[in-house]
Amino acid sequence: MDHKTKKYITASYRLYDITDGRKNLIEETSADRPFTFISGLGLLLEEFERQIIGLEAGSKFDFALTPEQAFGEHSSERVLDLDKQIFHVDGKFDQENVYRDAVIPLQDEDGNRFYGRVMEVTDEKVKIDLNHPLAGRTLNFCGEINENREATSEEVAQLTEKLSGRGSGCKCGGHGHQGECCGKHHHDEECGHHRHSDGECCGKHHNDGECCSK
């Protein structure tokens, strides 16, 4: 891979979970709404980028990523029971945004932002899973390259500016478009004290648009 040349790539694909030997469709893009990215910026899963960066427009691809190559194994240490008080807004629990299966932004005492899925809400606690939704999954990408060319300096600058100020980085490789808040979030921070973040993406949940999934 030429790390000095930034490639502007668009691809249409289907993403399957093949962990249990079955092929379950997770996400699908199309030629009119393709997955678009610039290589060499650290936004993609490394193996995903390696598989497609050398393919020309019109080339087909079909490859699988193990959990280690994708979003890691699911870790029980990243499942936390947080004080319900953390999710209070104006003295009341934020039940509109914090509910079972919602994906919500969190922020630690150092200002690092990351995302978690609500597993359970009890009288005193909110159980949050900080693992990526596809942690522990073996993923299969099948699709076609629509465009692959050298990115212009303006395109690189625009994307860099767009992604600046988003806190913890996003690593996509499917499951998230143009680095928008999804992909491989950094969940390696110390998770002692958390607080509900009122920043952008607050209240967005899976499959709800630009913030999570698609």
N, C-alpha and C. Protein backbone atom coordinates (compact mmCIF):
# COMPACT_ATOMS: atom_id res chain seq x y z
N MET A 1 0.84 -1.20 0.00
CA MET A 1 0.00 0.00 0.00
C MET A 1 0.87 1.25 0.00
N ASP A 2 0.56 2.19 -0.85
CA ASP A 2 1.30 3.44 -0.88
C ASP A 2 0.70 4.39 0.14
N HIS A 3 1.40 4.56 1.26
CA HIS A 3 0.86 5.39 2.33
C HIS A 3 0.96 6.88 2.02
N LYS A 4 1.81 7.25 1.03
CA LYS A 4 1.97 8.66 0.70
C LYS A 4 0.84 9.16 -0.18
N THR A 5 0.28 8.29 -1.02
CA THR A 5 -0.81 8.68 -1.92
C THR A 5 -2.15 8.44 -1.26
N LYS A 6 -2.92 9.49 -1.13
CA LYS A 6 -4.26 9.38 -0.57
C LYS A 6 -5.23 9.07 -1.71
N LYS A 7 -5.97 7.99 -1.59
CA LYS A 7 -6.91 7.57 -2.61
C LYS A 7 -8.34 7.97 -2.22
N TYR A 8 -9.06 8.50 -3.19
CA TYR A 8 -10.48 8.80 -3.04
C TYR A 8 -11.23 7.60 -3.63
N ILE A 9 -11.93 6.88 -2.78
CA ILE A 9 -12.55 5.63 -3.20
C ILE A 9 -14.04 5.63 -2.84
N THR A 10 -14.86 5.19 -3.80
CA THR A 10 -16.27 4.95 -3.50
C THR A 10 -16.57 3.50 -3.85
N ALA A 11 -17.40 2.88 -3.04
CA ALA A 11 -17.73 1.47 -3.25
C ALA A 11 -19.16 1.20 -2.84
N SER A 12 -19.79 0.29 -3.55
CA SER A 12 -21.10 -0.21 -3.14
C SER A 12 -20.89 -1.64 -2.68
N TYR A 13 -21.52 -2.01 -1.57
CA TYR A 13 -21.26 -3.34 -1.02
C TYR A 13 -22.40 -3.81 -0.13
N ARG A 14 -22.34 -5.07 0.19
CA ARG A 14 -23.20 -5.65 1.22
C ARG A 14 -22.30 -6.17 2.33
N LEU A 15 -22.68 -5.89 3.56
CA LEU A 15 -21.94 -6.35 4.72
C LEU A 15 -22.75 -7.43 5.43
N TYR A 16 -22.15 -8.61 5.58
CA TYR A 16 -22.82 -9.74 6.22
C TYR A 16 -22.09 -10.14 7.51
N ASP A 17 -22.86 -10.60 8.46
CA ASP A 17 -22.32 -11.26 9.65
C ASP A 17 -22.34 -12.76 9.36
N ILE A 18 -21.16 -13.37 9.32
CA ILE A 18 -21.07 -14.81 9.00
C ILE A 18 -20.49 -15.59 10.18
N THR A 19 -20.61 -15.03 11.38
CA THR A 19 -20.01 -15.63 12.57
C THR A 19 -20.45 -17.06 12.79
N ASP A 20 -21.71 -17.33 12.68
CA ASP A 20 -22.25 -18.65 13.01
C ASP A 20 -22.45 -19.53 11.78
N GLY A 21 -21.78 -19.17 10.69
CA GLY A 21 -21.91 -19.97 9.48
C GLY A 21 -23.11 -19.59 8.65
N ARG A 22 -23.91 -18.68 9.16
CA ARG A 22 -25.04 -18.16 8.40
C ARG A 22 -24.70 -16.77 7.88
N LYS A 23 -25.35 -16.35 6.82
CA LYS A 23 -25.05 -15.07 6.18
C LYS A 23 -26.17 -14.09 6.48
N ASN A 24 -25.97 -13.25 7.49
CA ASN A 24 -26.98 -12.29 7.90
C ASN A 24 -26.59 -10.90 7.43
N LEU A 25 -27.44 -10.29 6.60
CA LEU A 25 -27.18 -8.96 6.06
C LEU A 25 -27.26 -7.92 7.17
N ILE A 26 -26.20 -7.11 7.30
CA ILE A 26 -26.15 -6.06 8.30
C ILE A 26 -26.36 -4.70 7.67
N GLU A 27 -25.72 -4.47 6.55
CA GLU A 27 -25.75 -3.15 5.93
C GLU A 27 -25.56 -3.29 4.42
N GLU A 28 -26.17 -2.37 3.68
CA GLU A 28 -26.04 -2.39 2.24
C GLU A 28 -25.95 -0.96 1.71
N THR A 29 -24.97 -0.72 0.86
CA THR A 29 -24.88 0.57 0.17
C THR A 29 -25.17 0.33 -1.30
N SER A 30 -25.32 1.40 -2.06
CA SER A 30 -25.65 1.26 -3.47
C SER A 30 -24.80 2.22 -4.29
N ALA A 31 -24.85 2.08 -5.59
CA ALA A 31 -24.07 2.94 -6.47
C ALA A 31 -24.49 4.40 -6.36
N ASP A 32 -25.78 4.66 -6.09
CA ASP A 32 -26.23 6.03 -5.97
C ASP A 32 -25.98 6.62 -4.59
N ARG A 33 -25.75 5.74 -3.59
CA ARG A 33 -25.38 6.20 -2.25
C ARG A 33 -24.23 5.32 -1.74
N PRO A 34 -23.06 5.46 -2.34
CA PRO A 34 -21.95 4.57 -2.02
C PRO A 34 -21.25 4.93 -0.72
N PHE A 35 -20.42 4.01 -0.28
CA PHE A 35 -19.51 4.25 0.83
C PHE A 35 -18.32 5.02 0.25
N THR A 36 -18.04 6.19 0.79
CA THR A 36 -17.00 7.06 0.25
C THR A 36 -15.97 7.36 1.32
N PHE A 37 -14.69 7.26 0.97
CA PHE A 37 -13.64 7.55 1.95
C PHE A 37 -12.36 7.93 1.24
N ILE A 38 -11.42 8.44 2.02
CA ILE A 38 -10.07 8.73 1.55
C ILE A 38 -9.12 7.85 2.33
N SER A 39 -8.29 7.12 1.63
CA SER A 39 -7.38 6.18 2.29
C SER A 39 -6.23 6.91 2.98
N GLY A 40 -5.55 6.19 3.86
CA GLY A 40 -4.35 6.72 4.48
C GLY A 40 -4.57 7.72 5.59
N LEU A 41 -5.81 7.89 6.03
CA LEU A 41 -6.10 8.85 7.10
C LEU A 41 -6.41 8.16 8.42
N GLY A 42 -6.31 6.83 8.43
CA GLY A 42 -6.59 6.09 9.67
C GLY A 42 -8.05 5.98 10.01
N LEU A 43 -8.93 6.19 9.02
CA LEU A 43 -10.37 6.15 9.27
C LEU A 43 -10.96 4.77 9.06
N LEU A 44 -10.23 3.90 8.40
CA LEU A 44 -10.76 2.58 8.06
C LEU A 44 -10.10 1.49 8.87
N LEU A 45 -10.80 0.39 9.01
CA LEU A 45 -10.15 -0.80 9.52
C LEU A 45 -9.00 -1.12 8.58
N GLU A 46 -7.85 -1.39 9.15
CA GLU A 46 -6.64 -1.57 8.35
C GLU A 46 -6.79 -2.65 7.29
N GLU A 47 -7.37 -3.79 7.67
CA GLU A 47 -7.49 -4.90 6.73
C GLU A 47 -8.51 -4.60 5.65
N PHE A 48 -9.59 -3.88 5.99
CA PHE A 48 -10.57 -3.48 4.99
C PHE A 48 -9.89 -2.61 3.93
N GLU A 49 -9.12 -1.62 4.38
CA GLU A 49 -8.45 -0.73 3.44
C GLU A 49 -7.45 -1.50 2.58
N ARG A 50 -6.71 -2.41 3.21
CA ARG A 50 -5.71 -3.18 2.47
C ARG A 50 -6.35 -4.00 1.36
N GLN A 51 -7.54 -4.52 1.63
CA GLN A 51 -8.21 -5.38 0.65
C GLN A 51 -8.68 -4.63 -0.58
N ILE A 52 -9.04 -3.36 -0.44
CA ILE A 52 -9.68 -2.68 -1.56
C ILE A 52 -8.88 -1.54 -2.18
N ILE A 53 -7.82 -1.09 -1.51
CA ILE A 53 -7.13 0.11 -1.98
C ILE A 53 -6.51 -0.07 -3.37
N GLY A 54 -6.14 -1.28 -3.71
CA GLY A 54 -5.51 -1.51 -5.01
C GLY A 54 -6.46 -1.89 -6.12
N LEU A 55 -7.76 -1.92 -5.83
CA LEU A 55 -8.74 -2.32 -6.84
C LEU A 55 -9.16 -1.15 -7.71
N GLU A 56 -9.27 -1.40 -9.00
CA GLU A 56 -9.68 -0.37 -9.93
C GLU A 56 -11.20 -0.28 -9.99
N ALA A 57 -11.71 0.82 -10.54
CA ALA A 57 -13.15 0.98 -10.72
C ALA A 57 -13.70 -0.18 -11.54
N GLY A 58 -14.80 -0.74 -11.10
CA GLY A 58 -15.40 -1.88 -11.77
C GLY A 58 -14.99 -3.22 -11.18
N SER A 59 -13.96 -3.22 -10.34
CA SER A 59 -13.49 -4.47 -9.72
C SER A 59 -14.45 -4.94 -8.64
N LYS A 60 -14.66 -6.24 -8.57
CA LYS A 60 -15.49 -6.85 -7.54
C LYS A 60 -14.62 -7.28 -6.37
N PHE A 61 -15.21 -7.33 -5.18
CA PHE A 61 -14.48 -7.86 -4.02
C PHE A 61 -15.41 -8.69 -3.16
N ASP A 62 -14.82 -9.65 -2.48
CA ASP A 62 -15.56 -10.54 -1.59
C ASP A 62 -14.55 -11.10 -0.60
N PHE A 63 -14.53 -10.57 0.62
CA PHE A 63 -13.56 -11.01 1.61
C PHE A 63 -14.17 -10.97 3.00
N ALA A 64 -13.54 -11.68 3.92
CA ALA A 64 -14.02 -11.76 5.30
C ALA A 64 -12.98 -11.19 6.25
N LEU A 65 -13.44 -10.59 7.34
CA LEU A 65 -12.58 -10.10 8.40
C LEU A 65 -12.92 -10.83 9.69
N THR A 66 -11.90 -11.33 10.36
CA THR A 66 -12.09 -11.96 11.66
C THR A 66 -12.36 -10.86 12.69
N PRO A 67 -12.84 -11.21 13.89
CA PRO A 67 -13.02 -10.19 14.92
C PRO A 67 -11.74 -9.40 15.19
N GLU A 68 -10.60 -10.08 15.17
CA GLU A 68 -9.33 -9.39 15.41
C GLU A 68 -9.03 -8.37 14.33
N GLN A 69 -9.44 -8.65 13.10
CA GLN A 69 -9.21 -7.72 11.99
C GLN A 69 -10.28 -6.64 11.93
N ALA A 70 -11.40 -6.89 12.57
CA ALA A 70 -12.53 -5.95 12.52
C ALA A 70 -12.64 -5.18 13.83
N PHE A 71 -13.62 -5.50 14.66
CA PHE A 71 -13.90 -4.69 15.84
C PHE A 71 -13.56 -5.37 17.15
N GLY A 72 -12.70 -6.39 17.10
CA GLY A 72 -12.23 -7.02 18.31
C GLY A 72 -13.23 -7.99 18.92
N GLU A 73 -12.77 -8.69 19.93
CA GLU A 73 -13.65 -9.59 20.65
C GLU A 73 -14.52 -8.80 21.64
N HIS A 74 -15.66 -9.36 21.96
CA HIS A 74 -16.53 -8.73 22.94
C HIS A 74 -15.92 -8.91 24.33
N SER A 75 -15.80 -7.81 25.08
CA SER A 75 -15.18 -7.86 26.40
C SER A 75 -16.19 -7.51 27.48
N SER A 76 -16.29 -8.38 28.47
CA SER A 76 -17.22 -8.13 29.59
C SER A 76 -16.76 -6.93 30.42
N GLU A 77 -15.48 -6.58 30.34
CA GLU A 77 -14.97 -5.44 31.10
C GLU A 77 -15.49 -4.11 30.55
N ARG A 78 -16.02 -4.14 29.35
CA ARG A 78 -16.57 -2.93 28.74
C ARG A 78 -18.08 -2.83 28.92
N VAL A 79 -18.63 -3.66 29.77
CA VAL A 79 -20.04 -3.58 30.13
C VAL A 79 -20.10 -2.99 31.53
N LEU A 80 -20.66 -1.80 31.66
CA LEU A 80 -20.62 -1.05 32.92
C LEU A 80 -22.01 -0.77 33.47
N ASP A 81 -22.11 -0.74 34.78
CA ASP A 81 -23.32 -0.30 35.47
C ASP A 81 -23.07 1.11 35.96
N LEU A 82 -23.69 2.09 35.32
CA LEU A 82 -23.49 3.49 35.65
C LEU A 82 -24.65 4.03 36.47
N ASP A 83 -24.32 4.97 37.35
CA ASP A 83 -25.33 5.61 38.19
C ASP A 83 -26.35 6.32 37.31
N LYS A 84 -27.61 6.06 37.55
CA LYS A 84 -28.67 6.66 36.75
C LYS A 84 -28.65 8.19 36.82
N GLN A 85 -28.10 8.73 37.90
CA GLN A 85 -28.03 10.17 38.09
C GLN A 85 -27.21 10.84 36.99
N ILE A 86 -26.29 10.10 36.40
CA ILE A 86 -25.44 10.64 35.34
C ILE A 86 -26.28 11.10 34.15
N PHE A 87 -27.41 10.42 33.95
CA PHE A 87 -28.23 10.67 32.77
C PHE A 87 -29.42 11.58 33.06
N HIS A 88 -29.31 12.37 34.11
CA HIS A 88 -30.36 13.32 34.43
C HIS A 88 -30.12 14.63 33.69
N VAL A 89 -31.18 15.19 33.15
CA VAL A 89 -31.15 16.48 32.50
C VAL A 89 -32.21 17.36 33.16
N ASP A 90 -31.78 18.52 33.67
CA ASP A 90 -32.69 19.41 34.40
C ASP A 90 -33.37 18.69 35.55
N GLY A 91 -32.61 17.83 36.22
CA GLY A 91 -33.13 17.16 37.41
C GLY A 91 -33.97 15.92 37.15
N LYS A 92 -34.15 15.56 35.85
CA LYS A 92 -34.98 14.40 35.52
C LYS A 92 -34.20 13.44 34.63
N PHE A 93 -34.48 12.15 34.79
CA PHE A 93 -33.81 11.14 33.97
C PHE A 93 -34.19 11.33 32.51
N ASP A 94 -33.21 11.26 31.63
CA ASP A 94 -33.42 11.50 30.20
C ASP A 94 -33.97 10.25 29.52
N GLN A 95 -35.22 9.92 29.83
CA GLN A 95 -35.82 8.70 29.30
C GLN A 95 -36.11 8.78 27.80
N GLU A 96 -36.14 9.99 27.26
CA GLU A 96 -36.38 10.15 25.83
C GLU A 96 -35.22 9.60 25.01
N ASN A 97 -34.01 9.73 25.53
CA ASN A 97 -32.82 9.31 24.80
C ASN A 97 -32.13 8.09 25.39
N VAL A 98 -32.35 7.82 26.66
CA VAL A 98 -31.66 6.70 27.32
C VAL A 98 -32.66 5.59 27.59
N TYR A 99 -32.66 4.59 26.75
CA TYR A 99 -33.58 3.47 26.86
C TYR A 99 -32.91 2.25 26.25
N ARG A 100 -33.45 1.10 26.49
CA ARG A 100 -32.86 -0.15 26.03
C ARG A 100 -32.58 -0.11 24.52
N ASP A 101 -31.36 -0.49 24.15
CA ASP A 101 -30.86 -0.58 22.76
C ASP A 101 -30.52 0.77 22.13
N ALA A 102 -30.72 1.89 22.84
CA ALA A 102 -30.28 3.17 22.31
C ALA A 102 -28.76 3.23 22.34
N VAL A 103 -28.15 3.84 21.32
CA VAL A 103 -26.71 4.09 21.30
C VAL A 103 -26.51 5.55 21.64
N ILE A 104 -25.80 5.82 22.74
CA ILE A 104 -25.69 7.18 23.25
C ILE A 104 -24.23 7.59 23.43
N PRO A 105 -23.96 8.91 23.36
CA PRO A 105 -22.60 9.39 23.59
C PRO A 105 -22.32 9.52 25.08
N LEU A 106 -21.09 9.22 25.46
CA LEU A 106 -20.63 9.39 26.83
C LEU A 106 -19.33 10.17 26.79
N GLN A 107 -18.96 10.71 27.93
CA GLN A 107 -17.73 11.49 28.01
C GLN A 107 -17.09 11.26 29.36
N ASP A 108 -15.78 10.99 29.39
CA ASP A 108 -15.13 10.78 30.67
C ASP A 108 -14.61 12.10 31.22
N GLU A 109 -14.00 12.04 32.38
CA GLU A 109 -13.59 13.27 33.07
C GLU A 109 -12.48 14.01 32.32
N ASP A 110 -11.81 13.35 31.38
CA ASP A 110 -10.77 13.99 30.59
C ASP A 110 -11.30 14.58 29.29
N GLY A 111 -12.62 14.46 29.08
CA GLY A 111 -13.23 15.02 27.88
C GLY A 111 -13.23 14.09 26.69
N ASN A 112 -12.79 12.85 26.87
CA ASN A 112 -12.80 11.88 25.77
C ASN A 112 -14.23 11.39 25.53
N ARG A 113 -14.65 11.42 24.28
CA ARG A 113 -16.01 11.00 23.94
C ARG A 113 -16.01 9.63 23.30
N PHE A 114 -17.00 8.84 23.61
CA PHE A 114 -17.17 7.51 23.04
C PHE A 114 -18.64 7.15 23.13
N TYR A 115 -19.01 6.00 22.57
CA TYR A 115 -20.41 5.65 22.47
C TYR A 115 -20.68 4.30 23.10
N GLY A 116 -21.87 4.14 23.64
CA GLY A 116 -22.25 2.88 24.25
C GLY A 116 -23.70 2.55 23.98
N ARG A 117 -24.01 1.26 24.03
CA ARG A 117 -25.39 0.82 23.83
C ARG A 117 -26.02 0.51 25.17
N VAL A 118 -27.22 1.04 25.38
CA VAL A 118 -27.94 0.80 26.62
C VAL A 118 -28.50 -0.62 26.62
N MET A 119 -28.09 -1.41 27.60
CA MET A 119 -28.57 -2.79 27.71
C MET A 119 -29.78 -2.91 28.62
N GLU A 120 -29.78 -2.09 29.69
CA GLU A 120 -30.85 -2.19 30.67
C GLU A 120 -30.92 -0.91 31.49
N VAL A 121 -32.12 -0.50 31.85
CA VAL A 121 -32.35 0.65 32.72
C VAL A 121 -33.14 0.17 33.93
N THR A 122 -32.56 0.33 35.12
CA THR A 122 -33.22 -0.07 36.36
C THR A 122 -33.53 1.17 37.19
N ASP A 123 -34.00 0.97 38.39
CA ASP A 123 -34.35 2.10 39.24
C ASP A 123 -33.13 2.96 39.59
N GLU A 124 -31.94 2.35 39.67
CA GLU A 124 -30.77 3.08 40.12
C GLU A 124 -29.62 3.09 39.12
N LYS A 125 -29.61 2.14 38.18
CA LYS A 125 -28.47 1.99 37.30
C LYS A 125 -28.88 1.95 35.82
N VAL A 126 -27.91 2.28 34.98
CA VAL A 126 -28.04 2.10 33.54
C VAL A 126 -26.87 1.23 33.10
N LYS A 127 -27.19 0.05 32.56
CA LYS A 127 -26.14 -0.86 32.10
C LYS A 127 -25.78 -0.50 30.67
N ILE A 128 -24.50 -0.18 30.45
CA ILE A 128 -24.01 0.28 29.16
C ILE A 128 -22.97 -0.69 28.62
N ASP A 129 -23.12 -1.04 27.35
CA ASP A 129 -22.13 -1.89 26.67
C ASP A 129 -21.28 -0.98 25.78
N LEU A 130 -19.98 -0.85 26.12
CA LEU A 130 -19.07 -0.01 25.35
C LEU A 130 -18.40 -0.75 24.22
N ASN A 131 -18.66 -2.04 24.09
CA ASN A 131 -18.14 -2.78 22.95
C ASN A 131 -18.80 -2.28 21.67
N HIS A 132 -18.04 -2.32 20.57
CA HIS A 132 -18.65 -1.99 19.29
C HIS A 132 -19.78 -2.99 19.03
N PRO A 133 -20.87 -2.57 18.39
CA PRO A 133 -21.99 -3.48 18.12
C PRO A 133 -21.58 -4.74 17.36
N LEU A 134 -20.48 -4.66 16.61
CA LEU A 134 -20.03 -5.83 15.84
C LEU A 134 -18.82 -6.51 16.47
N ALA A 135 -18.53 -6.20 17.72
CA ALA A 135 -17.43 -6.89 18.41
C ALA A 135 -17.72 -8.38 18.48
N GLY A 136 -16.71 -9.18 18.21
CA GLY A 136 -16.87 -10.63 18.26
C GLY A 136 -17.46 -11.22 17.00
N ARG A 137 -17.73 -10.39 16.00
CA ARG A 137 -18.37 -10.85 14.77
C ARG A 137 -17.35 -11.04 13.65
N THR A 138 -17.55 -12.08 12.85
CA THR A 138 -16.79 -12.28 11.62
C THR A 138 -17.60 -11.67 10.48
N LEU A 139 -16.98 -10.75 9.74
CA LEU A 139 -17.70 -9.95 8.77
C LEU A 139 -17.29 -10.28 7.35
N ASN A 140 -18.27 -10.27 6.45
CA ASN A 140 -18.04 -10.55 5.04
C ASN A 140 -18.49 -9.34 4.22
N PHE A 141 -17.56 -8.77 3.44
CA PHE A 141 -17.86 -7.64 2.57
C PHE A 141 -17.88 -8.12 1.13
N CYS A 142 -19.01 -7.89 0.46
CA CYS A 142 -19.14 -8.26 -0.96
C CYS A 142 -19.59 -7.02 -1.72
N GLY A 143 -18.83 -6.64 -2.75
CA GLY A 143 -19.25 -5.45 -3.47
C GLY A 143 -18.40 -5.12 -4.66
N GLU A 144 -18.45 -3.86 -5.07
CA GLU A 144 -17.77 -3.40 -6.27
C GLU A 144 -17.23 -1.99 -6.06
N ILE A 145 -16.04 -1.74 -6.60
CA ILE A 145 -15.45 -0.41 -6.54
C ILE A 145 -16.07 0.45 -7.64
N ASN A 146 -16.61 1.60 -7.25
CA ASN A 146 -17.20 2.51 -8.22
C ASN A 146 -16.17 3.53 -8.73
N GLU A 147 -15.28 3.94 -7.85
CA GLU A 147 -14.28 4.94 -8.21
C GLU A 147 -13.06 4.75 -7.33
N ASN A 148 -11.88 4.89 -7.91
CA ASN A 148 -10.63 4.82 -7.17
C ASN A 148 -9.62 5.70 -7.89
N ARG A 149 -9.32 6.83 -7.29
CA ARG A 149 -8.40 7.79 -7.90
C ARG A 149 -7.63 8.50 -6.79
N GLU A 150 -6.63 9.24 -7.18
CA GLU A 150 -5.87 10.01 -6.20
C GLU A 150 -6.73 11.16 -5.68
N ALA A 151 -6.78 11.30 -4.36
CA ALA A 151 -7.56 12.38 -3.76
C ALA A 151 -6.84 13.71 -3.94
N THR A 152 -7.62 14.76 -4.13
CA THR A 152 -7.02 16.09 -4.24
C THR A 152 -6.69 16.60 -2.84
N SER A 153 -5.80 17.56 -2.77
CA SER A 153 -5.43 18.15 -1.47
C SER A 153 -6.65 18.83 -0.84
N GLU A 154 -7.52 19.38 -1.68
CA GLU A 154 -8.74 20.02 -1.16
C GLU A 154 -9.66 19.00 -0.51
N GLU A 155 -9.81 17.83 -1.13
CA GLU A 155 -10.66 16.79 -0.57
C GLU A 155 -10.11 16.28 0.75
N VAL A 156 -8.80 16.10 0.83
CA VAL A 156 -8.18 15.66 2.07
C VAL A 156 -8.38 16.71 3.16
N ALA A 157 -8.19 17.97 2.82
CA ALA A 157 -8.35 19.06 3.79
C ALA A 157 -9.79 19.15 4.28
N GLN A 158 -10.74 19.02 3.35
CA GLN A 158 -12.16 19.10 3.72
C GLN A 158 -12.55 17.99 4.68
N LEU A 159 -12.08 16.77 4.39
CA LEU A 159 -12.42 15.65 5.26
C LEU A 159 -11.75 15.78 6.62
N THR A 160 -10.50 16.22 6.63
CA THR A 160 -9.79 16.41 7.89
C THR A 160 -10.49 17.44 8.76
N GLU A 161 -10.94 18.53 8.13
CA GLU A 161 -11.65 19.57 8.87
C GLU A 161 -12.99 19.05 9.39
N LYS A 162 -13.65 18.25 8.57
CA LYS A 162 -14.96 17.71 8.95
C LYS A 162 -14.86 16.82 10.17
N LEU A 163 -13.74 16.08 10.25
CA LEU A 163 -13.57 15.12 11.34
C LEU A 163 -12.94 15.73 12.58
N SER A 164 -12.38 16.92 12.47
CA SER A 164 -11.73 17.54 13.62
C SER A 164 -12.77 17.92 14.66
N GLY A 165 -12.37 17.79 15.91
CA GLY A 165 -13.27 18.17 16.99
C GLY A 165 -14.31 17.14 17.33
N ARG A 166 -14.16 15.90 16.80
CA ARG A 166 -15.15 14.88 17.09
C ARG A 166 -14.75 14.00 18.26
N GLY A 167 -13.73 14.44 19.00
CA GLY A 167 -13.34 13.63 20.16
C GLY A 167 -12.61 12.40 19.70
N SER A 168 -12.99 11.25 20.25
CA SER A 168 -12.33 10.01 19.89
C SER A 168 -12.59 9.70 18.43
N GLY A 169 -11.60 9.15 17.77
CA GLY A 169 -11.69 8.91 16.34
C GLY A 169 -12.66 7.82 15.97
N CYS A 170 -12.96 7.74 14.68
CA CYS A 170 -13.83 6.71 14.16
C CYS A 170 -13.06 5.89 13.15
N LYS A 171 -13.17 4.63 13.26
CA LYS A 171 -12.56 3.77 12.25
C LYS A 171 -13.66 2.97 11.59
N CYS A 172 -13.88 3.27 10.34
CA CYS A 172 -14.91 2.57 9.60
C CYS A 172 -14.28 1.51 8.73
N GLY A 173 -15.06 0.88 8.00
CA GLY A 173 -14.61 -0.17 7.10
C GLY A 173 -15.89 -0.90 6.84
N GLY A 174 -16.81 -0.14 6.37
CA GLY A 174 -18.18 -0.57 6.39
C GLY A 174 -18.71 -0.11 7.73
N HIS A 175 -20.00 -0.11 7.88
CA HIS A 175 -20.64 0.25 9.14
C HIS A 175 -20.30 1.67 9.54
N GLY A 176 -20.61 2.61 8.68
CA GLY A 176 -20.37 3.99 8.99
C GLY A 176 -19.83 4.72 7.77
N HIS A 177 -20.43 5.81 7.38
CA HIS A 177 -20.06 6.47 6.14
C HIS A 177 -19.19 7.69 6.40
N GLN A 178 -18.08 7.77 5.66
CA GLN A 178 -17.21 8.94 5.66
C GLN A 178 -16.76 9.31 7.06
N GLY A 179 -16.56 8.29 7.90
CA GLY A 179 -16.06 8.55 9.24
C GLY A 179 -17.10 9.16 10.17
N GLU A 180 -18.37 9.09 9.83
CA GLU A 180 -19.40 9.73 10.63
C GLU A 180 -19.72 8.92 11.88
N CYS A 181 -19.01 9.15 12.93
CA CYS A 181 -19.39 8.67 14.26
C CYS A 181 -19.59 7.17 14.39
N CYS A 182 -19.32 6.42 13.40
CA CYS A 182 -19.48 5.00 13.56
C CYS A 182 -18.25 4.30 13.02
N GLY A 183 -18.16 3.06 13.30
CA GLY A 183 -16.96 2.35 12.95
C GLY A 183 -16.30 1.92 14.22
N LYS A 184 -15.02 1.95 14.26
CA LYS A 184 -14.29 1.45 15.41
C LYS A 184 -13.99 2.59 16.36
N HIS A 185 -14.86 2.87 17.31
CA HIS A 185 -14.63 3.93 18.28
C HIS A 185 -13.58 3.50 19.28
N HIS A 186 -12.89 4.48 19.83
CA HIS A 186 -11.89 4.18 20.84
C HIS A 186 -12.57 4.03 22.19
N HIS A 187 -12.62 2.83 22.71
CA HIS A 187 -13.23 2.58 24.00
C HIS A 187 -12.17 2.14 25.01
N ASP A 188 -10.94 2.57 24.81
CA ASP A 188 -9.86 2.10 25.67
C ASP A 188 -9.58 3.05 26.82
N GLU A 189 -10.36 4.13 26.92
CA GLU A 189 -10.12 5.07 28.00
C GLU A 189 -10.50 4.45 29.34
N GLU A 190 -9.92 4.99 30.40
CA GLU A 190 -10.33 4.59 31.74
C GLU A 190 -11.76 5.05 31.95
N CYS A 191 -12.61 4.18 32.43
CA CYS A 191 -14.03 4.49 32.49
C CYS A 191 -14.50 4.59 33.94
N GLY A 192 -13.84 5.42 34.69
CA GLY A 192 -14.24 5.55 36.08
C GLY A 192 -15.44 6.45 36.23
N HIS A 193 -15.31 7.69 35.78
CA HIS A 193 -16.39 8.66 35.94
C HIS A 193 -16.88 9.07 34.56
N HIS A 194 -18.15 8.86 34.31
CA HIS A 194 -18.73 9.21 33.02
C HIS A 194 -19.81 10.25 33.22
N ARG A 195 -20.06 10.98 32.17
CA ARG A 195 -21.21 11.88 32.20
C ARG A 195 -21.89 11.87 30.85
N HIS A 196 -23.17 12.12 30.88
CA HIS A 196 -23.96 12.16 29.66
C HIS A 196 -23.54 13.39 28.88
N SER A 197 -23.25 13.23 27.60
CA SER A 197 -22.82 14.36 26.77
C SER A 197 -24.01 14.94 26.03
N ASP A 198 -24.09 16.26 26.03
CA ASP A 198 -25.17 16.94 25.31
C ASP A 198 -24.73 17.41 23.94
N GLY A 199 -23.59 16.92 23.48
CA GLY A 199 -23.07 17.33 22.18
C GLY A 199 -23.84 16.72 21.03
N GLU A 200 -23.34 16.93 19.81
CA GLU A 200 -24.02 16.40 18.64
C GLU A 200 -24.11 14.89 18.74
N CYS A 201 -25.05 14.31 18.11
CA CYS A 201 -25.33 12.88 18.11
C CYS A 201 -26.06 12.42 19.35
N CYS A 202 -26.29 13.31 20.30
CA CYS A 202 -26.98 12.89 21.52
C CYS A 202 -28.37 12.40 21.17
N GLY A 203 -28.69 11.22 21.66
CA GLY A 203 -30.02 10.68 21.42
C GLY A 203 -30.14 9.92 20.14
N LYS A 204 -29.13 10.01 19.26
CA LYS A 204 -29.19 9.21 18.05
C LYS A 204 -29.00 7.76 18.43
N HIS A 205 -29.73 6.89 17.79
CA HIS A 205 -29.53 5.49 18.09
C HIS A 205 -29.36 4.71 16.80
N HIS A 206 -29.03 3.44 16.93
CA HIS A 206 -28.64 2.62 15.79
C HIS A 206 -29.65 2.69 14.66
N ASN A 207 -29.12 2.82 13.44
CA ASN A 207 -29.92 2.89 12.23
C ASN A 207 -30.74 4.17 12.16
N ASP A 208 -30.30 5.21 12.85
CA ASP A 208 -31.09 6.44 12.92
C ASP A 208 -30.52 7.54 12.04
N GLY A 209 -29.52 7.25 11.24
CA GLY A 209 -29.01 8.29 10.39
C GLY A 209 -27.52 8.44 10.48
N GLU A 210 -27.05 9.71 10.41
CA GLU A 210 -25.62 9.94 10.24
C GLU A 210 -24.80 9.47 11.42
N CYS A 211 -25.40 9.33 12.59
CA CYS A 211 -24.60 9.07 13.76
C CYS A 211 -24.19 7.63 13.93
N CYS A 212 -25.09 6.73 13.76
CA CYS A 212 -24.77 5.35 14.03
C CYS A 212 -25.22 4.49 12.87
N SER A 213 -24.42 3.54 12.54
CA SER A 213 -24.65 2.64 11.43
C SER A 213 -24.81 3.43 10.16
N LYS A 214 -25.99 3.48 9.64
CA LYS A 214 -26.17 4.09 8.32
C LYS A 214 -27.34 5.03 8.34
